[in-house]
Amino acid sequence: MSTVRKTITLTGQQSEWVKSRIAEGGFTNDSEYIRDLIRRDQERLRHMEALQAAITEGLNSGTASALDMDAIKRKARQEAARYDTNTPDL
């Protein structure tokens, strides 16, 4: 992968923050720290997009219907019985 040199401007406080992160040993230089921030931001954006897609899917799925607890228990018993012949009644 090719690299591109960028010049950024930081406040004194931001520069000291970057230096402190490097001094803690998690990064070897400014560029490594900035690249890590970018990777984390990209990952956060992917998670936010997935969350938004799930929310949209839920909103578009229609109105929820009432739950039939007896039917849910019956199905759970049937599923449990497939794996354990000594399943107590729910």
C-alpha atoms as a PDB file:
ATOM      1  CA  MET A   1       0.000   0.000   0.000  1.00  0.00           C
ATOM      2  CA  SER A   2       1.407   3.370  -0.941  1.00  0.00           C
ATOM      3  CA  THR A   3       1.642   6.188   1.544  1.00  0.00           C
ATOM      4  CA  VAL A   4       0.936   9.886   1.179  1.00  0.00           C
ATOM      5  CA  ARG A   5       2.679  12.517   3.249  1.00  0.00           C
ATOM      6  CA  LYS A   6       0.285  14.936   4.973  1.00  0.00           C
ATOM      7  CA  THR A   7       0.970  17.995   7.062  1.00  0.00           C
ATOM      8  CA  ILE A   8      -1.403  18.731   9.934  1.00  0.00           C
ATOM      9  CA  THR A   9      -1.609  21.572  12.406  1.00  0.00           C
ATOM     10  CA  LEU A  10      -2.284  20.863  16.077  1.00  0.00           C
ATOM     11  CA  THR A  11      -2.712  23.104  19.054  1.00  0.00           C
ATOM     12  CA  GLY A  12      -0.007  22.951  21.705  1.00  0.00           C
ATOM     13  CA  GLN A  13      -2.338  20.964  23.942  1.00  0.00           C
ATOM     14  CA  GLN A  14      -3.069  18.448  21.172  1.00  0.00           C
ATOM     15  CA  SER A  15       0.622  18.080  20.404  1.00  0.00           C
ATOM     16  CA  GLU A  16       1.378  17.395  24.058  1.00  0.00           C
ATOM     17  CA  TRP A  17      -1.422  14.813  24.119  1.00  0.00           C
ATOM     18  CA  VAL A  18       0.073  12.984  21.131  1.00  0.00           C
ATOM     19  CA  LYS A  19       3.523  13.088  22.749  1.00  0.00           C
ATOM     20  CA  SER A  20       2.095  11.663  25.987  1.00  0.00           C
ATOM     21  CA  ARG A  21       0.411   8.802  24.117  1.00  0.00           C
ATOM     22  CA  ILE A  22       3.694   7.967  22.409  1.00  0.00           C
ATOM     23  CA  ALA A  23       5.582   8.193  25.722  1.00  0.00           C
ATOM     24  CA  GLU A  24       3.149   5.684  27.263  1.00  0.00           C
ATOM     25  CA  GLY A  25       4.532   3.166  24.792  1.00  0.00           C
ATOM     26  CA  GLY A  26       1.452   2.425  22.715  1.00  0.00           C
ATOM     27  CA  PHE A  27       2.867   4.113  19.626  1.00  0.00           C
ATOM     28  CA  THR A  28       6.321   4.723  18.231  1.00  0.00           C
ATOM     29  CA  ASN A  29       5.647   8.066  16.518  1.00  0.00           C
ATOM     30  CA  ASP A  30       3.033  10.693  15.662  1.00  0.00           C
ATOM     31  CA  SER A  31       2.100   9.059  12.363  1.00  0.00           C
ATOM     32  CA  GLU A  32       1.399   5.713  13.979  1.00  0.00           C
ATOM     33  CA  TYR A  33      -0.887   7.373  16.519  1.00  0.00           C
ATOM     34  CA  ILE A  34      -2.798   9.344  13.856  1.00  0.00           C
ATOM     35  CA  ARG A  35      -3.189   6.229  11.681  1.00  0.00           C
ATOM     36  CA  ASP A  36      -4.616   4.386  14.700  1.00  0.00           C
ATOM     37  CA  LEU A  37      -7.119   7.203  15.275  1.00  0.00           C
ATOM     38  CA  ILE A  38      -8.189   6.995  11.634  1.00  0.00           C
ATOM     39  CA  ARG A  39      -8.612   3.196  11.806  1.00  0.00           C
ATOM     40  CA  ARG A  40     -10.701   3.537  14.970  1.00  0.00           C
ATOM     41  CA  ASP A  41     -12.843   6.229  13.371  1.00  0.00           C
ATOM     42  CA  GLN A  42     -13.392   4.042  10.307  1.00  0.00           C
ATOM     43  CA  GLU A  43     -14.423   1.113  12.518  1.00  0.00           C
ATOM     44  CA  ARG A  44     -16.758   3.335  14.565  1.00  0.00           C
ATOM     45  CA  LEU A  45     -18.385   4.552  11.352  1.00  0.00           C
ATOM     46  CA  ARG A  46     -18.883   0.946  10.158  1.00  0.00           C
ATOM     47  CA  HIS A  47     -20.547   0.088  13.477  1.00  0.00           C
ATOM     48  CA  MET A  48     -22.771   3.168  13.308  1.00  0.00           C
ATOM     49  CA  GLU A  49     -23.816   2.310   9.746  1.00  0.00           C
ATOM     50  CA  ALA A  50     -24.651  -1.278  10.787  1.00  0.00           C
ATOM     51  CA  LEU A  51     -26.632   0.007  13.763  1.00  0.00           C
ATOM     52  CA  GLN A  52     -28.523   2.480  11.578  1.00  0.00           C
ATOM     53  CA  ALA A  53     -29.306  -0.298   9.075  1.00  0.00           C
ATOM     54  CA  ALA A  54     -30.645  -2.502  11.890  1.00  0.00           C
ATOM     55  CA  ILE A  55     -32.778   0.355  13.224  1.00  0.00           C
ATOM     56  CA  THR A  56     -34.141   1.078   9.755  1.00  0.00           C
ATOM     57  CA  GLU A  57     -34.896  -2.610   9.198  1.00  0.00           C
ATOM     58  CA  GLY A  58     -36.737  -2.744  12.513  1.00  0.00           C
ATOM     59  CA  LEU A  59     -38.744   0.368  11.765  1.00  0.00           C
ATOM     60  CA  ASN A  60     -39.675  -0.979   8.339  1.00  0.00           C
ATOM     61  CA  SER A  61     -40.615  -4.444   9.621  1.00  0.00           C
ATOM     62  CA  GLY A  62     -44.144  -3.460  10.534  1.00  0.00           C
ATOM     63  CA  THR A  63     -46.172  -3.453  13.696  1.00  0.00           C
ATOM     64  CA  ALA A  64     -45.338  -5.984  16.361  1.00  0.00           C
ATOM     65  CA  SER A  65     -48.015  -8.494  17.255  1.00  0.00           C
ATOM     66  CA  ALA A  66     -48.958  -9.702  20.725  1.00  0.00           C
ATOM     67  CA  LEU A  67     -46.852 -12.515  22.140  1.00  0.00           C
ATOM     68  CA  ASP A  68     -48.436 -15.896  22.810  1.00  0.00           C
ATOM     69  CA  MET A  69     -46.449 -17.039  25.845  1.00  0.00           C
ATOM     70  CA  ASP A  70     -48.016 -20.504  25.821  1.00  0.00           C
ATOM     71  CA  ALA A  71     -46.896 -21.016  22.214  1.00  0.00           C
ATOM     72  CA  ILE A  72     -43.410 -19.719  23.038  1.00  0.00           C
ATOM     73  CA  LYS A  73     -43.122 -22.135  25.988  1.00  0.00           C
ATOM     74  CA  ARG A  74     -44.397 -25.024  23.868  1.00  0.00           C
ATOM     75  CA  LYS A  75     -41.801 -24.338  21.182  1.00  0.00           C
ATOM     76  CA  ALA A  76     -39.057 -23.993  23.803  1.00  0.00           C
ATOM     77  CA  ARG A  77     -40.015 -27.359  25.309  1.00  0.00           C
ATOM     78  CA  GLN A  78     -39.966 -28.985  21.882  1.00  0.00           C
ATOM     79  CA  GLU A  79     -36.545 -27.524  21.092  1.00  0.00           C
ATOM     80  CA  ALA A  80     -35.161 -28.508  24.494  1.00  0.00           C
ATOM     81  CA  ALA A  81     -36.505 -32.030  24.099  1.00  0.00           C
ATOM     82  CA  ARG A  82     -34.452 -32.429  20.945  1.00  0.00           C
ATOM     83  CA  TYR A  83     -31.274 -32.020  23.041  1.00  0.00           C
ATOM     84  CA  ASP A  84     -32.229 -33.315  26.462  1.00  0.00           C
ATOM     85  CA  THR A  85     -34.741 -36.023  27.218  1.00  0.00           C
ATOM     86  CA  ASN A  86     -34.872 -34.956  30.920  1.00  0.00           C
ATOM     87  CA  THR A  87     -36.129 -31.398  30.343  1.00  0.00           C
ATOM     88  CA  PRO A  88     -38.501 -30.184  33.100  1.00  0.00           C
ATOM     89  CA  ASP A  89     -41.734 -28.397  32.221  1.00  0.00           C
ATOM     90  CA  LEU A  90     -41.335 -24.656  31.756  1.00  0.00           C
END
